[in-house]
Amino acid sequence: MVRLSLLQEDGARVLPTLYDDNYLRLLPGETHTVTLSWPASALPSGRPKLRAEGYNTPPVTVRG
């Protein structure tokens, strides 16, 4: 299971964020496209980060 979180620059979650899918099951080498939406006022910096956390893997954070 992979859980996604949209983050602000300081690491706080951007709320509310809507995901068209979350808590994904991915096997090694698989890919999946997820669309996120959030109000502009919830992310004033305009520089999001996305964190993916898995049950059996360390969290990974990438800049948007």
N, C-alpha and C. Protein backbone atom coordinates (compact mmCIF):
# COMPACT_ATOMS: atom_id res chain seq x y z
N MET A 1 0.83 -1.18 0.00
CA MET A 1 0.00 0.00 0.00
C MET A 1 0.88 1.24 0.00
N VAL A 2 0.55 2.17 -0.86
CA VAL A 2 1.26 3.45 -0.97
C VAL A 2 0.28 4.56 -0.65
N ARG A 3 0.67 5.44 0.26
CA ARG A 3 -0.17 6.58 0.64
C ARG A 3 0.52 7.85 0.17
N LEU A 4 -0.25 8.75 -0.46
CA LEU A 4 0.28 10.01 -0.96
C LEU A 4 -0.14 11.16 -0.05
N SER A 5 0.75 12.15 0.10
CA SER A 5 0.44 13.36 0.86
C SER A 5 1.04 14.56 0.13
N LEU A 6 0.24 15.60 -0.08
CA LEU A 6 0.73 16.85 -0.64
C LEU A 6 1.19 17.73 0.51
N LEU A 7 2.42 18.26 0.40
CA LEU A 7 3.02 19.01 1.50
C LEU A 7 3.39 20.42 1.09
N GLN A 8 3.40 21.32 2.08
CA GLN A 8 3.91 22.67 1.88
C GLN A 8 5.43 22.63 2.01
N GLU A 9 6.08 23.76 1.77
CA GLU A 9 7.54 23.85 1.88
C GLU A 9 8.04 23.40 3.25
N ASP A 10 7.30 23.74 4.32
CA ASP A 10 7.74 23.41 5.68
C ASP A 10 7.39 21.98 6.10
N GLY A 11 6.78 21.21 5.21
CA GLY A 11 6.45 19.82 5.51
C GLY A 11 5.03 19.61 6.03
N ALA A 12 4.29 20.69 6.27
CA ALA A 12 2.89 20.56 6.72
C ALA A 12 2.02 20.10 5.55
N ARG A 13 1.01 19.30 5.85
CA ARG A 13 0.11 18.82 4.80
C ARG A 13 -0.73 19.96 4.25
N VAL A 14 -1.00 19.93 2.95
CA VAL A 14 -1.88 20.90 2.31
C VAL A 14 -3.30 20.35 2.45
N LEU A 15 -4.14 21.10 3.15
CA LEU A 15 -5.52 20.68 3.38
C LEU A 15 -6.48 21.79 2.96
N PRO A 16 -7.54 21.47 2.27
CA PRO A 16 -7.88 20.15 1.77
C PRO A 16 -7.18 19.84 0.46
N THR A 17 -6.86 18.60 0.24
CA THR A 17 -6.35 18.10 -1.03
C THR A 17 -7.23 16.94 -1.46
N LEU A 18 -7.67 16.97 -2.70
CA LEU A 18 -8.48 15.88 -3.24
C LEU A 18 -7.62 15.05 -4.18
N TYR A 19 -7.66 13.74 -4.01
CA TYR A 19 -6.91 12.78 -4.82
C TYR A 19 -7.91 11.95 -5.60
N ASP A 20 -7.67 11.70 -6.89
CA ASP A 20 -8.59 10.83 -7.61
C ASP A 20 -8.35 9.36 -7.26
N ASP A 21 -7.24 9.08 -6.56
CA ASP A 21 -6.95 7.75 -6.04
C ASP A 21 -5.88 7.93 -4.96
N ASN A 22 -5.89 7.10 -3.95
CA ASN A 22 -4.89 7.14 -2.89
C ASN A 22 -4.87 5.77 -2.24
N TYR A 23 -3.91 5.49 -1.42
CA TYR A 23 -3.70 4.16 -0.84
C TYR A 23 -3.65 3.12 -1.95
N LEU A 24 -2.62 3.27 -2.80
CA LEU A 24 -2.46 2.44 -3.99
C LEU A 24 -1.71 1.16 -3.68
N ARG A 25 -1.96 0.15 -4.46
CA ARG A 25 -1.16 -1.07 -4.43
C ARG A 25 -0.31 -1.08 -5.69
N LEU A 26 1.01 -1.08 -5.51
CA LEU A 26 1.94 -1.10 -6.63
C LEU A 26 2.97 -2.19 -6.43
N LEU A 27 3.22 -2.94 -7.46
CA LEU A 27 4.29 -3.92 -7.44
C LEU A 27 5.55 -3.25 -7.98
N PRO A 28 6.72 -3.79 -7.69
CA PRO A 28 7.96 -3.20 -8.20
C PRO A 28 7.89 -3.01 -9.72
N GLY A 29 8.25 -1.80 -10.17
CA GLY A 29 8.24 -1.49 -11.59
C GLY A 29 6.93 -0.98 -12.13
N GLU A 30 5.84 -1.07 -11.37
CA GLU A 30 4.55 -0.58 -11.82
C GLU A 30 4.47 0.93 -11.65
N THR A 31 3.63 1.56 -12.46
CA THR A 31 3.36 2.98 -12.34
C THR A 31 1.86 3.22 -12.27
N HIS A 32 1.49 4.38 -11.74
CA HIS A 32 0.08 4.75 -11.65
C HIS A 32 0.01 6.27 -11.62
N THR A 33 -0.86 6.86 -12.42
CA THR A 33 -1.02 8.31 -12.45
C THR A 33 -2.16 8.70 -11.52
N VAL A 34 -1.89 9.70 -10.67
CA VAL A 34 -2.89 10.21 -9.72
C VAL A 34 -3.02 11.71 -9.94
N THR A 35 -4.25 12.20 -10.01
CA THR A 35 -4.51 13.63 -10.16
C THR A 35 -4.90 14.22 -8.81
N LEU A 36 -4.24 15.32 -8.43
CA LEU A 36 -4.52 16.00 -7.17
C LEU A 36 -5.08 17.38 -7.46
N SER A 37 -5.94 17.87 -6.58
CA SER A 37 -6.42 19.25 -6.68
C SER A 37 -6.53 19.82 -5.28
N TRP A 38 -6.29 21.13 -5.18
CA TRP A 38 -6.35 21.83 -3.91
C TRP A 38 -6.62 23.30 -4.19
N PRO A 39 -7.20 24.02 -3.23
CA PRO A 39 -7.42 25.45 -3.44
C PRO A 39 -6.09 26.20 -3.39
N ALA A 40 -5.93 27.20 -4.23
CA ALA A 40 -4.68 27.96 -4.30
C ALA A 40 -4.34 28.58 -2.94
N SER A 41 -5.36 28.95 -2.17
CA SER A 41 -5.11 29.58 -0.87
C SER A 41 -4.51 28.60 0.14
N ALA A 42 -4.64 27.30 -0.10
CA ALA A 42 -4.10 26.30 0.82
C ALA A 42 -2.60 26.10 0.63
N LEU A 43 -2.06 26.62 -0.47
CA LEU A 43 -0.63 26.47 -0.76
C LEU A 43 -0.09 27.82 -1.24
N PRO A 44 0.09 28.77 -0.31
CA PRO A 44 0.49 30.12 -0.71
C PRO A 44 1.84 30.19 -1.42
N SER A 45 2.76 29.30 -1.11
CA SER A 45 4.08 29.35 -1.76
C SER A 45 4.00 28.90 -3.21
N GLY A 46 2.99 28.11 -3.56
CA GLY A 46 2.88 27.60 -4.92
C GLY A 46 3.93 26.56 -5.26
N ARG A 47 4.65 26.06 -4.25
CA ARG A 47 5.73 25.08 -4.47
C ARG A 47 5.43 23.81 -3.68
N PRO A 48 4.60 22.94 -4.20
CA PRO A 48 4.23 21.74 -3.45
C PRO A 48 5.33 20.69 -3.45
N LYS A 49 5.24 19.81 -2.48
CA LYS A 49 6.05 18.60 -2.43
C LYS A 49 5.07 17.44 -2.30
N LEU A 50 5.42 16.31 -2.86
CA LEU A 50 4.58 15.13 -2.77
C LEU A 50 5.35 14.04 -2.05
N ARG A 51 4.74 13.47 -1.01
CA ARG A 51 5.36 12.38 -0.27
C ARG A 51 4.59 11.10 -0.56
N ALA A 52 5.35 10.04 -0.84
CA ALA A 52 4.78 8.71 -1.02
C ALA A 52 5.34 7.83 0.09
N GLU A 53 4.44 7.22 0.86
CA GLU A 53 4.83 6.34 1.96
C GLU A 53 4.27 4.95 1.69
N GLY A 54 5.11 3.95 1.83
CA GLY A 54 4.66 2.59 1.62
C GLY A 54 4.79 1.76 2.88
N TYR A 55 4.07 0.68 2.93
CA TYR A 55 4.08 -0.21 4.09
C TYR A 55 5.48 -0.80 4.31
N ASN A 56 6.13 -1.17 3.22
CA ASN A 56 7.43 -1.85 3.34
C ASN A 56 8.56 -1.09 2.65
N THR A 57 8.44 0.22 2.59
CA THR A 57 9.46 1.04 1.95
C THR A 57 9.55 2.38 2.68
N PRO A 58 10.71 3.00 2.71
CA PRO A 58 10.82 4.30 3.38
C PRO A 58 10.08 5.39 2.58
N PRO A 59 9.64 6.45 3.26
CA PRO A 59 8.96 7.55 2.56
C PRO A 59 9.89 8.24 1.56
N VAL A 60 9.30 8.70 0.46
CA VAL A 60 10.03 9.44 -0.56
C VAL A 60 9.28 10.75 -0.79
N THR A 61 10.02 11.87 -0.79
CA THR A 61 9.41 13.19 -1.03
C THR A 61 10.07 13.82 -2.24
N VAL A 62 9.23 14.34 -3.17
CA VAL A 62 9.73 15.00 -4.37
C VAL A 62 9.07 16.38 -4.49
N ARG A 63 9.79 17.31 -5.07
CA ARG A 63 9.24 18.66 -5.32
C ARG A 63 8.37 18.63 -6.56
N GLY A 64 7.29 19.43 -6.51
CA GLY A 64 6.38 19.52 -7.64
C GLY A 64 6.75 20.63 -8.57
